[in-house]
Amino acid sequence: MYGINEIDADQLQQLLADGEEQVELIDVRSPMEVAQGAIPGARHIPLHLLPLQLNQLPTDRKVIFYCRTGARSGQACLFAGGQGWQNTINLRGGIVAWVQRGHAIA
């Protein structure tokens, strides 16, 4: 997405596996979608609740948002950036790309 920092599924998998850098992984999908599976270690904040919970996100590490295909998480990045967060990243292709690349879901 234009103007948004992005990471692809393989890059995210490597980042999580390395464990060298702490990141906060946020799933902005609906509860029904999350019940079908999520990336291990992700925190669930539905997109519509993000404005109410944004202040709970860390400012000392990268915050990676994801959804089903990357559109809603892109909106989350834009919103957080507009509120002053400088370290937000969108998972390009969302959990669909994550699963297509063969990465685990919980």
PDB file of N, CA and C in Angstrom:
ATOM      1  N   MET A   1       0.839  -1.179   0.000  1.00  0.00           N
ATOM      2  CA  MET A   1       0.000   0.000   0.000  1.00  0.00           C
ATOM      3  C   MET A   1       0.887   1.246   0.000  1.00  0.00           C
ATOM      4  N   TYR A   2       0.458   2.241  -0.695  1.00  0.00           N
ATOM      5  CA  TYR A   2       1.213   3.479  -0.811  1.00  0.00           C
ATOM      6  C   TYR A   2       1.309   4.185   0.537  1.00  0.00           C
ATOM      7  N   GLY A   3       2.519   4.579   0.902  1.00  0.00           N
ATOM      8  CA  GLY A   3       2.726   5.339   2.128  1.00  0.00           C
ATOM      9  C   GLY A   3       2.716   4.522   3.404  1.00  0.00           C
ATOM     10  N   ILE A   4       2.696   3.210   3.287  1.00  0.00           N
ATOM     11  CA  ILE A   4       2.656   2.333   4.458  1.00  0.00           C
ATOM     12  C   ILE A   4       3.855   1.393   4.388  1.00  0.00           C
ATOM     13  N   ASN A   5       4.538   1.227   5.501  1.00  0.00           N
ATOM     14  CA  ASN A   5       5.602   0.235   5.558  1.00  0.00           C
ATOM     15  C   ASN A   5       4.969  -1.144   5.559  1.00  0.00           C
ATOM     16  N   GLU A   6       5.535  -2.048   4.753  1.00  0.00           N
ATOM     17  CA  GLU A   6       4.984  -3.401   4.659  1.00  0.00           C
ATOM     18  C   GLU A   6       6.072  -4.451   4.825  1.00  0.00           C
ATOM     19  N   ILE A   7       5.620  -5.628   5.227  1.00  0.00           N
ATOM     20  CA  ILE A   7       6.465  -6.793   5.357  1.00  0.00           C
ATOM     21  C   ILE A   7       5.712  -7.944   4.714  1.00  0.00           C
ATOM     22  N   ASP A   8       6.423  -8.872   4.071  1.00  0.00           N
ATOM     23  CA  ASP A   8       5.712 -10.019   3.499  1.00  0.00           C
ATOM     24  C   ASP A   8       5.745 -11.178   4.500  1.00  0.00           C
ATOM     25  N   ALA A   9       5.000 -12.223   4.198  1.00  0.00           N
ATOM     26  CA  ALA A   9       4.835 -13.339   5.129  1.00  0.00           C
ATOM     27  C   ALA A   9       6.165 -14.005   5.479  1.00  0.00           C
ATOM     28  N   ASP A  10       7.021 -14.213   4.490  1.00  0.00           N
ATOM     29  CA  ASP A  10       8.308 -14.857   4.765  1.00  0.00           C
ATOM     30  C   ASP A  10       9.210 -13.973   5.622  1.00  0.00           C
ATOM     31  N   GLN A  11       9.194 -12.677   5.359  1.00  0.00           N
ATOM     32  CA  GLN A  11       9.994 -11.753   6.171  1.00  0.00           C
ATOM     33  C   GLN A  11       9.502 -11.734   7.617  1.00  0.00           C
ATOM     34  N   LEU A  12       8.175 -11.759   7.796  1.00  0.00           N
ATOM     35  CA  LEU A  12       7.620 -11.782   9.150  1.00  0.00           C
ATOM     36  C   LEU A  12       7.985 -13.074   9.853  1.00  0.00           C
ATOM     37  N   GLN A  13       7.866 -14.193   9.170  1.00  0.00           N
ATOM     38  CA  GLN A  13       8.221 -15.483   9.759  1.00  0.00           C
ATOM     39  C   GLN A  13       9.677 -15.462  10.230  1.00  0.00           C
ATOM     40  N   GLN A  14      10.563 -14.931   9.403  1.00  0.00           N
ATOM     41  CA  GLN A  14      11.983 -14.859   9.755  1.00  0.00           C
ATOM     42  C   GLN A  14      12.199 -13.939  10.953  1.00  0.00           C
ATOM     43  N   LEU A  15      11.521 -12.811  10.960  1.00  0.00           N
ATOM     44  CA  LEU A  15      11.630 -11.857  12.064  1.00  0.00           C
ATOM     45  C   LEU A  15      11.186 -12.505  13.376  1.00  0.00           C
ATOM     46  N   LEU A  16      10.072 -13.217  13.335  1.00  0.00           N
ATOM     47  CA  LEU A  16       9.561 -13.878  14.537  1.00  0.00           C
ATOM     48  C   LEU A  16      10.471 -15.022  14.966  1.00  0.00           C
ATOM     49  N   ALA A  17      10.999 -15.771  14.008  1.00  0.00           N
ATOM     50  CA  ALA A  17      11.864 -16.909  14.311  1.00  0.00           C
ATOM     51  C   ALA A  17      13.203 -16.464  14.894  1.00  0.00           C
ATOM     52  N   ASP A  18      13.746 -15.370  14.365  1.00  0.00           N
ATOM     53  CA  ASP A  18      15.027 -14.857  14.859  1.00  0.00           C
ATOM     54  C   ASP A  18      14.935 -14.458  16.325  1.00  0.00           C
ATOM     55  N   GLY A  19      13.837 -13.807  16.682  1.00  0.00           N
ATOM     56  CA  GLY A  19      13.644 -13.364  18.053  1.00  0.00           C
ATOM     57  C   GLY A  19      14.605 -12.280  18.495  1.00  0.00           C
ATOM     58  N   GLU A  20      15.373 -11.734  17.552  1.00  0.00           N
ATOM     59  CA  GLU A  20      16.347 -10.701  17.894  1.00  0.00           C
ATOM     60  C   GLU A  20      15.688  -9.352  18.163  1.00  0.00           C
ATOM     61  N   GLU A  21      14.553  -9.135  17.530  1.00  0.00           N
ATOM     62  CA  GLU A  21      13.870  -7.854  17.655  1.00  0.00           C
ATOM     63  C   GLU A  21      12.461  -8.104  18.177  1.00  0.00           C
ATOM     64  N   GLN A  22      12.090  -7.407  19.250  1.00  0.00           N
ATOM     65  CA  GLN A  22      10.746  -7.546  19.784  1.00  0.00           C
ATOM     66  C   GLN A  22       9.765  -6.787  18.905  1.00  0.00           C
ATOM     67  N   VAL A  23       8.678  -7.458  18.554  1.00  0.00           N
ATOM     68  CA  VAL A  23       7.614  -6.832  17.783  1.00  0.00           C
ATOM     69  C   VAL A  23       6.286  -7.137  18.461  1.00  0.00           C
ATOM     70  N   GLU A  24       5.322  -6.293  18.214  1.00  0.00           N
ATOM     71  CA  GLU A  24       3.951  -6.505  18.694  1.00  0.00           C
ATOM     72  C   GLU A  24       3.118  -6.832  17.465  1.00  0.00           C
ATOM     73  N   LEU A  25       2.549  -8.011  17.428  1.00  0.00           N
ATOM     74  CA  LEU A  25       1.750  -8.469  16.302  1.00  0.00           C
ATOM     75  C   LEU A  25       0.274  -8.309  16.657  1.00  0.00           C
ATOM     76  N   ILE A  26      -0.449  -7.504  15.854  1.00  0.00           N
ATOM     77  CA  ILE A  26      -1.838  -7.181  16.150  1.00  0.00           C
ATOM     78  C   ILE A  26      -2.738  -7.666  15.023  1.00  0.00           C
ATOM     79  N   ASP A  27      -3.711  -8.493  15.375  1.00  0.00           N
ATOM     80  CA  ASP A  27      -4.709  -9.020  14.451  1.00  0.00           C
ATOM     81  C   ASP A  27      -5.944  -8.121  14.536  1.00  0.00           C
ATOM     82  N   VAL A  28      -6.282  -7.448  13.437  1.00  0.00           N
ATOM     83  CA  VAL A  28      -7.409  -6.505  13.466  1.00  0.00           C
ATOM     84  C   VAL A  28      -8.690  -7.099  12.871  1.00  0.00           C
ATOM     85  N   ARG A  29      -8.734  -8.411  12.687  1.00  0.00           N
ATOM     86  CA  ARG A  29      -9.925  -9.051  12.128  1.00  0.00           C
ATOM     87  C   ARG A  29     -11.040  -9.169  13.165  1.00  0.00           C
ATOM     88  N   SER A  30     -12.194  -9.610  12.701  1.00  0.00           N
ATOM     89  CA  SER A  30     -13.338  -9.818  13.594  1.00  0.00           C
ATOM     90  C   SER A  30     -13.105 -11.059  14.453  1.00  0.00           C
ATOM     91  N   PRO A  31     -13.813 -11.165  15.585  1.00  0.00           N
ATOM     92  CA  PRO A  31     -13.686 -12.357  16.425  1.00  0.00           C
ATOM     93  C   PRO A  31     -14.004 -13.647  15.658  1.00  0.00           C
ATOM     94  N   MET A  32     -14.974 -13.605  14.759  1.00  0.00           N
ATOM     95  CA  MET A  32     -15.333 -14.788  13.980  1.00  0.00           C
ATOM     96  C   MET A  32     -14.162 -15.230  13.089  1.00  0.00           C
ATOM     97  N   GLU A  33     -13.475 -14.262  12.493  1.00  0.00           N
ATOM     98  CA  GLU A  33     -12.322 -14.590  11.654  1.00  0.00           C
ATOM     99  C   GLU A  33     -11.175 -15.158  12.488  1.00  0.00           C
ATOM    100  N   VAL A  34     -10.934 -14.561  13.648  1.00  0.00           N
ATOM    101  CA  VAL A  34      -9.852 -15.013  14.515  1.00  0.00           C
ATOM    102  C   VAL A  34     -10.097 -16.442  14.981  1.00  0.00           C
ATOM    103  N   ALA A  35     -11.360 -16.795  15.215  1.00  0.00           N
ATOM    104  CA  ALA A  35     -11.705 -18.152  15.648  1.00  0.00           C
ATOM    105  C   ALA A  35     -11.301 -19.207  14.616  1.00  0.00           C
ATOM    106  N   GLN A  36     -11.121 -18.802  13.377  1.00  0.00           N
ATOM    107  CA  GLN A  36     -10.718 -19.734  12.313  1.00  0.00           C
ATOM    108  C   GLN A  36      -9.212 -19.953  12.284  1.00  0.00           C
ATOM    109  N   GLY A  37      -8.468 -19.185  13.056  1.00  0.00           N
ATOM    110  CA  GLY A  37      -7.025 -19.331  13.131  1.00  0.00           C
ATOM    111  C   GLY A  37      -6.333 -17.988  13.106  1.00  0.00           C
ATOM    112  N   ALA A  38      -5.215 -17.903  13.814  1.00  0.00           N
ATOM    113  CA  ALA A  38      -4.453 -16.673  13.908  1.00  0.00           C
ATOM    114  C   ALA A  38      -2.965 -16.993  13.919  1.00  0.00           C
ATOM    115  N   ILE A  39      -2.164 -15.996  13.653  1.00  0.00           N
ATOM    116  CA  ILE A  39      -0.717 -16.164  13.721  1.00  0.00           C
ATOM    117  C   ILE A  39      -0.342 -16.290  15.194  1.00  0.00           C
ATOM    118  N   PRO A  40       0.414 -17.325  15.555  1.00  0.00           N
ATOM    119  CA  PRO A  40       0.784 -17.516  16.966  1.00  0.00           C
ATOM    120  C   PRO A  40       1.461 -16.276  17.555  1.00  0.00           C
ATOM    121  N   GLY A  41       1.027 -15.926  18.755  1.00  0.00           N
ATOM    122  CA  GLY A  41       1.595 -14.788  19.465  1.00  0.00           C
ATOM    123  C   GLY A  41       0.914 -13.460  19.178  1.00  0.00           C
ATOM    124  N   ALA A  42      -0.053 -13.461  18.267  1.00  0.00           N
ATOM    125  CA  ALA A  42      -0.737 -12.210  17.920  1.00  0.00           C
ATOM    126  C   ALA A  42      -1.725 -11.813  19.009  1.00  0.00           C
ATOM    127  N   ARG A  43      -1.884 -10.528  19.146  1.00  0.00           N
ATOM    128  CA  ARG A  43      -2.877  -9.947  20.048  1.00  0.00           C
ATOM    129  C   ARG A  43      -4.053  -9.501  19.192  1.00  0.00           C
ATOM    130  N   HIS A  44      -5.270  -9.752  19.635  1.00  0.00           N
ATOM    131  CA  HIS A  44      -6.459  -9.419  18.861  1.00  0.00           C
ATOM    132  C   HIS A  44      -7.034  -8.079  19.307  1.00  0.00           C
ATOM    133  N   ILE A  45      -7.066  -7.134  18.371  1.00  0.00           N
ATOM    134  CA  ILE A  45      -7.764  -5.859  18.572  1.00  0.00           C
ATOM    135  C   ILE A  45      -8.556  -5.610  17.292  1.00  0.00           C
ATOM    136  N   PRO A  46      -9.867  -5.873  17.294  1.00  0.00           N
ATOM    137  CA  PRO A  46     -10.653  -5.625  16.084  1.00  0.00           C
ATOM    138  C   PRO A  46     -10.473  -4.182  15.608  1.00  0.00           C
ATOM    139  N   LEU A  47     -10.448  -3.989  14.312  1.00  0.00           N
ATOM    140  CA  LEU A  47     -10.180  -2.677  13.736  1.00  0.00           C
ATOM    141  C   LEU A  47     -11.081  -1.598  14.327  1.00  0.00           C
ATOM    142  N   HIS A  48     -12.362  -1.903  14.510  1.00  0.00           N
ATOM    143  CA  HIS A  48     -13.273  -0.873  15.016  1.00  0.00           C
ATOM    144  C   HIS A  48     -12.979  -0.470  16.459  1.00  0.00           C
ATOM    145  N   LEU A  49     -12.218  -1.273  17.198  1.00  0.00           N
ATOM    146  CA  LEU A  49     -11.855  -0.935  18.574  1.00  0.00           C
ATOM    147  C   LEU A  49     -10.467  -0.308  18.681  1.00  0.00           C
ATOM    148  N   LEU A  50      -9.733  -0.273  17.580  1.00  0.00           N
ATOM    149  CA  LEU A  50      -8.380   0.262  17.621  1.00  0.00           C
ATOM    150  C   LEU A  50      -8.308   1.689  18.158  1.00  0.00           C
ATOM    151  N   PRO A  51      -9.213   2.592  17.772  1.00  0.00           N
ATOM    152  CA  PRO A  51      -9.124   3.950  18.336  1.00  0.00           C
ATOM    153  C   PRO A  51      -9.212   3.975  19.867  1.00  0.00           C
ATOM    154  N   LEU A  52      -9.935   3.039  20.443  1.00  0.00           N
ATOM    155  CA  LEU A  52     -10.088   2.986  21.897  1.00  0.00           C
ATOM    156  C   LEU A  52      -8.900   2.337  22.592  1.00  0.00           C
ATOM    157  N   GLN A  53      -8.145   1.512  21.852  1.00  0.00           N
ATOM    158  CA  GLN A  53      -7.066   0.756  22.474  1.00  0.00           C
ATOM    159  C   GLN A  53      -5.680   1.116  21.950  1.00  0.00           C
ATOM    160  N   LEU A  54      -5.600   2.105  21.091  1.00  0.00           N
ATOM    161  CA  LEU A  54      -4.319   2.480  20.496  1.00  0.00           C
ATOM    162  C   LEU A  54      -3.283   2.832  21.557  1.00  0.00           C
ATOM    163  N   ASN A  55      -3.714   3.491  22.618  1.00  0.00           N
ATOM    164  CA  ASN A  55      -2.762   3.903  23.657  1.00  0.00           C
ATOM    165  C   ASN A  55      -2.170   2.720  24.413  1.00  0.00           C
ATOM    166  N   GLN A  56      -2.689   1.514  24.207  1.00  0.00           N
ATOM    167  CA  GLN A  56      -2.158   0.317  24.844  1.00  0.00           C
ATOM    168  C   GLN A  56      -1.028  -0.323  24.031  1.00  0.00           C
ATOM    169  N   LEU A  57      -0.805   0.188  22.822  1.00  0.00           N
ATOM    170  CA  LEU A  57       0.251  -0.378  21.987  1.00  0.00           C
ATOM    171  C   LEU A  57       1.608   0.167  22.411  1.00  0.00           C
ATOM    172  N   PRO A  58       2.639  -0.651  22.295  1.00  0.00           N
ATOM    173  CA  PRO A  58       3.968  -0.192  22.697  1.00  0.00           C
ATOM    174  C   PRO A  58       4.510   0.851  21.728  1.00  0.00           C
ATOM    175  N   THR A  59       5.322   1.740  22.251  1.00  0.00           N
ATOM    176  CA  THR A  59       5.980   2.745  21.406  1.00  0.00           C
ATOM    177  C   THR A  59       7.466   2.430  21.253  1.00  0.00           C
ATOM    178  N   ASP A  60       7.934   1.392  21.951  1.00  0.00           N
ATOM    179  CA  ASP A  60       9.358   1.069  21.953  1.00  0.00           C
ATOM    180  C   ASP A  60       9.738  -0.063  21.005  1.00  0.00           C
ATOM    181  N   ARG A  61       8.790  -0.530  20.202  1.00  0.00           N
ATOM    182  CA  ARG A  61       9.089  -1.604  19.240  1.00  0.00           C
ATOM    183  C   ARG A  61       8.131  -1.516  18.065  1.00  0.00           C
ATOM    184  N   LYS A  62       8.422  -2.275  17.026  1.00  0.00           N
ATOM    185  CA  LYS A  62       7.576  -2.281  15.840  1.00  0.00           C
ATOM    186  C   LYS A  62       6.227  -2.912  16.159  1.00  0.00           C
ATOM    187  N   VAL A  63       5.183  -2.338  15.578  1.00  0.00           N
ATOM    188  CA  VAL A  63       3.835  -2.883  15.693  1.00  0.00           C
ATOM    189  C   VAL A  63       3.436  -3.339  14.295  1.00  0.00           C
ATOM    190  N   ILE A  64       3.183  -4.636  14.161  1.00  0.00           N
ATOM    191  CA  ILE A  64       2.825  -5.207  12.867  1.00  0.00           C
ATOM    192  C   ILE A  64       1.346  -5.581  12.905  1.00  0.00           C
ATOM    193  N   PHE A  65       0.574  -4.941  12.037  1.00  0.00           N
ATOM    194  CA  PHE A  65      -0.854  -5.220  11.930  1.00  0.00           C
ATOM    195  C   PHE A  65      -1.100  -6.214  10.814  1.00  0.00           C
ATOM    196  N   TYR A  66      -2.097  -7.086  11.025  1.00  0.00           N
ATOM    197  CA  TYR A  66      -2.537  -7.946   9.927  1.00  0.00           C
ATOM    198  C   TYR A  66      -4.037  -8.193  10.012  1.00  0.00           C
ATOM    199  N   CYS A  67      -4.590  -8.543   8.866  1.00  0.00           N
ATOM    200  CA  CYS A  67      -6.005  -8.902   8.757  1.00  0.00           C
ATOM    201  C   CYS A  67      -6.093 -10.082   7.790  1.00  0.00           C
ATOM    202  N   ARG A  68      -7.169 -10.193   7.057  1.00  0.00           N
ATOM    203  CA  ARG A  68      -7.316 -11.304   6.126  1.00  0.00           C
ATOM    204  C   ARG A  68      -6.419 -11.126   4.898  1.00  0.00           C
ATOM    205  N   THR A  69      -6.486  -9.957   4.270  1.00  0.00           N
ATOM    206  CA  THR A  69      -5.737  -9.751   3.028  1.00  0.00           C
ATOM    207  C   THR A  69      -4.814  -8.533   3.040  1.00  0.00           C
ATOM    208  N   GLY A  70      -4.836  -7.758   4.090  1.00  0.00           N
ATOM    209  CA  GLY A  70      -3.953  -6.597   4.196  1.00  0.00           C
ATOM    210  C   GLY A  70      -4.633  -5.251   4.062  1.00  0.00           C
ATOM    211  N   ALA A  71      -5.910  -5.225   3.690  1.00  0.00           N
ATOM    212  CA  ALA A  71      -6.601  -3.941   3.506  1.00  0.00           C
ATOM    213  C   ALA A  71      -6.925  -3.277   4.844  1.00  0.00           C
ATOM    214  N   ARG A  72      -7.565  -4.003   5.748  1.00  0.00           N
ATOM    215  CA  ARG A  72      -7.920  -3.418   7.051  1.00  0.00           C
ATOM    216  C   ARG A  72      -6.679  -3.117   7.882  1.00  0.00           C
ATOM    217  N   SER A  73      -5.689  -3.981   7.797  1.00  0.00           N
ATOM    218  CA  SER A  73      -4.455  -3.710   8.548  1.00  0.00           C
ATOM    219  C   SER A  73      -3.734  -2.500   7.965  1.00  0.00           C
ATOM    220  N   GLY A  74      -3.869  -2.273   6.668  1.00  0.00           N
ATOM    221  CA  GLY A  74      -3.332  -1.051   6.073  1.00  0.00           C
ATOM    222  C   GLY A  74      -4.025   0.176   6.647  1.00  0.00           C
ATOM    223  N   GLN A  75      -5.345   0.078   6.832  1.00  0.00           N
ATOM    224  CA  GLN A  75      -6.094   1.171   7.461  1.00  0.00           C
ATOM    225  C   GLN A  75      -5.616   1.389   8.893  1.00  0.00           C
ATOM    226  N   ALA A  76      -5.332   0.290   9.590  1.00  0.00           N
ATOM    227  CA  ALA A  76      -4.833   0.397  10.968  1.00  0.00           C
ATOM    228  C   ALA A  76      -3.495   1.136  10.994  1.00  0.00           C
ATOM    229  N   CYS A  77      -2.625   0.831  10.041  1.00  0.00           N
ATOM    230  CA  CYS A  77      -1.327   1.520   9.956  1.00  0.00           C
ATOM    231  C   CYS A  77      -1.518   3.011   9.701  1.00  0.00           C
ATOM    232  N   LEU A  78      -2.414   3.330   8.771  1.00  0.00           N
ATOM    233  CA  LEU A  78      -2.672   4.739   8.466  1.00  0.00           C
ATOM    234  C   LEU A  78      -3.228   5.474   9.688  1.00  0.00           C
ATOM    235  N   PHE A  79      -4.165   4.848  10.379  1.00  0.00           N
ATOM    236  CA  PHE A  79      -4.752   5.465  11.563  1.00  0.00           C
ATOM    237  C   PHE A  79      -3.692   5.675  12.639  1.00  0.00           C
ATOM    238  N   ALA A  80      -2.931   4.616  12.953  1.00  0.00           N
ATOM    239  CA  ALA A  80      -1.910   4.723  13.996  1.00  0.00           C
ATOM    240  C   ALA A  80      -0.862   5.769  13.620  1.00  0.00           C
ATOM    241  N   GLY A  81      -0.466   5.790  12.367  1.00  0.00           N
ATOM    242  CA  GLY A  81       0.494   6.790  11.905  1.00  0.00           C
ATOM    243  C   GLY A  81      -0.038   8.204  12.074  1.00  0.00           C
ATOM    244  N   GLY A  82      -1.320   8.377  11.805  1.00  0.00           N
ATOM    245  CA  GLY A  82      -1.950   9.686  11.980  1.00  0.00           C
ATOM    246  C   GLY A  82      -2.028  10.130  13.427  1.00  0.00           C
ATOM    247  N   GLN A  83      -1.933   9.155  14.334  1.00  0.00           N
ATOM    248  CA  GLN A  83      -1.972   9.450  15.766  1.00  0.00           C
ATOM    249  C   GLN A  83      -0.571   9.542  16.368  1.00  0.00           C
ATOM    250  N   GLY A  84       0.446   9.475  15.501  1.00  0.00           N
ATOM    251  CA  GLY A  84       1.813   9.656  15.982  1.00  0.00           C
ATOM    252  C   GLY A  84       2.677   8.420  16.063  1.00  0.00           C
ATOM    253  N   TRP A  85       2.112   7.243  15.825  1.00  0.00           N
ATOM    254  CA  TRP A  85       2.920   6.030  15.855  1.00  0.00           C
ATOM    255  C   TRP A  85       3.800   5.998  14.611  1.00  0.00           C
ATOM    256  N   GLN A  86       5.095   5.830  14.812  1.00  0.00           N
ATOM    257  CA  GLN A  86       6.049   5.871  13.710  1.00  0.00           C
ATOM    258  C   GLN A  86       6.523   4.484  13.300  1.00  0.00           C
ATOM    259  N   ASN A  87       6.196   3.477  14.075  1.00  0.00           N
ATOM    260  CA  ASN A  87       6.784   2.157  13.888  1.00  0.00           C
ATOM    261  C   ASN A  87       5.759   1.092  13.507  1.00  0.00           C
ATOM    262  N   THR A  88       4.792   1.444  12.655  1.00  0.00           N
ATOM    263  CA  THR A  88       3.762   0.482  12.269  1.00  0.00           C
ATOM    264  C   THR A  88       4.087  -0.132  10.914  1.00  0.00           C
ATOM    265  N   ILE A  89       3.739  -1.411  10.785  1.00  0.00           N
ATOM    266  CA  ILE A  89       4.017  -2.171   9.572  1.00  0.00           C
ATOM    267  C   ILE A  89       2.791  -3.009   9.239  1.00  0.00           C
ATOM    268  N   ASN A  90       2.485  -3.106   7.957  1.00  0.00           N
ATOM    269  CA  ASN A  90       1.361  -3.904   7.466  1.00  0.00           C
ATOM    270  C   ASN A  90       1.884  -5.231   6.918  1.00  0.00           C
ATOM    271  N   LEU A  91       1.226  -6.336   7.278  1.00  0.00           N
ATOM    272  CA  LEU A  91       1.550  -7.631   6.679  1.00  0.00           C
ATOM    273  C   LEU A  91       0.894  -7.688   5.303  1.00  0.00           C
ATOM    274  N   ARG A  92       1.708  -7.587   4.262  1.00  0.00           N
ATOM    275  CA  ARG A  92       1.211  -7.592   2.878  1.00  0.00           C
ATOM    276  C   ARG A  92       0.529  -8.937   2.589  1.00  0.00           C
ATOM    277  N   GLY A  93      -0.719  -8.869   2.160  1.00  0.00           N
ATOM    278  CA  GLY A  93      -1.470 -10.079   1.834  1.00  0.00           C
ATOM    279  C   GLY A  93      -2.149 -10.728   3.020  1.00  0.00           C
ATOM    280  N   GLY A  94      -1.901 -10.214   4.221  1.00  0.00           N
ATOM    281  CA  GLY A  94      -2.570 -10.687   5.429  1.00  0.00           C
ATOM    282  C   GLY A  94      -2.347 -12.148   5.744  1.00  0.00           C
ATOM    283  N   ILE A  95      -3.278 -12.698   6.503  1.00  0.00           N
ATOM    284  CA  ILE A  95      -3.153 -14.093   6.927  1.00  0.00           C
ATOM    285  C   ILE A  95      -3.333 -15.042   5.744  1.00  0.00           C
ATOM    286  N   VAL A  96      -4.009 -14.581   4.696  1.00  0.00           N
ATOM    287  CA  VAL A  96      -4.139 -15.408   3.495  1.00  0.00           C
ATOM    288  C   VAL A  96      -2.748 -15.694   2.914  1.00  0.00           C
ATOM    289  N   ALA A  97      -1.921 -14.670   2.786  1.00  0.00           N
ATOM    290  CA  ALA A  97      -0.559 -14.850   2.278  1.00  0.00           C
ATOM    291  C   ALA A  97       0.268 -15.683   3.244  1.00  0.00           C
ATOM    292  N   TRP A  98       0.056 -15.471   4.537  1.00  0.00           N
ATOM    293  CA  TRP A  98       0.774 -16.219   5.565  1.00  0.00           C
ATOM    294  C   TRP A  98       0.518 -17.724   5.399  1.00  0.00           C
ATOM    295  N   VAL A  99      -0.737 -18.094   5.271  1.00  0.00           N
ATOM    296  CA  VAL A  99      -1.103 -19.507   5.126  1.00  0.00           C
ATOM    297  C   VAL A  99      -0.625 -20.053   3.773  1.00  0.00           C
ATOM    298  N   GLN A 100      -0.762 -19.275   2.723  1.00  0.00           N
ATOM    299  CA  GLN A 100      -0.313 -19.710   1.394  1.00  0.00           C
ATOM    300  C   GLN A 100       1.181 -20.019   1.368  1.00  0.00           C
ATOM    301  N   ARG A 101       1.952 -19.339   2.187  1.00  0.00           N
ATOM    302  CA  ARG A 101       3.397 -19.573   2.258  1.00  0.00           C
ATOM    303  C   ARG A 101       3.731 -20.736   3.170  1.00  0.00           C
ATOM    304  N   GLY A 102       2.694 -21.353   3.771  1.00  0.00           N
ATOM    305  CA  GLY A 102       2.897 -22.540   4.592  1.00  0.00           C
ATOM    306  C   GLY A 102       3.265 -22.283   6.040  1.00  0.00           C
ATOM    307  N   HIS A 103       3.043 -21.092   6.519  1.00  0.00           N
ATOM    308  CA  HIS A 103       3.356 -20.753   7.902  1.00  0.00           C
ATOM    309  C   HIS A 103       2.202 -21.174   8.818  1.00  0.00           C
ATOM    310  N   ALA A 104       2.547 -21.475  10.053  1.00  0.00           N
ATOM    311  CA  ALA A 104       1.580 -22.030  11.009  1.00  0.00           C
ATOM    312  C   ALA A 104       0.593 -20.988  11.508  1.00  0.00           C
ATOM    313  N   ILE A 105      -0.609 -21.473  11.808  1.00  0.00           N
ATOM    314  CA  ILE A 105      -1.606 -20.685  12.513  1.00  0.00           C
ATOM    315  C   ILE A 105      -2.042 -21.467  13.742  1.00  0.00           C
ATOM    316  N   ALA A 106      -2.547 -20.747  14.716  1.00  0.00           N
ATOM    317  CA  ALA A 106      -2.989 -21.388  15.968  1.00  0.00           C
ATOM    318  C   ALA A 106      -4.504 -21.342  16.041  1.00  0.00           C
TER     319      ALA A 106
END
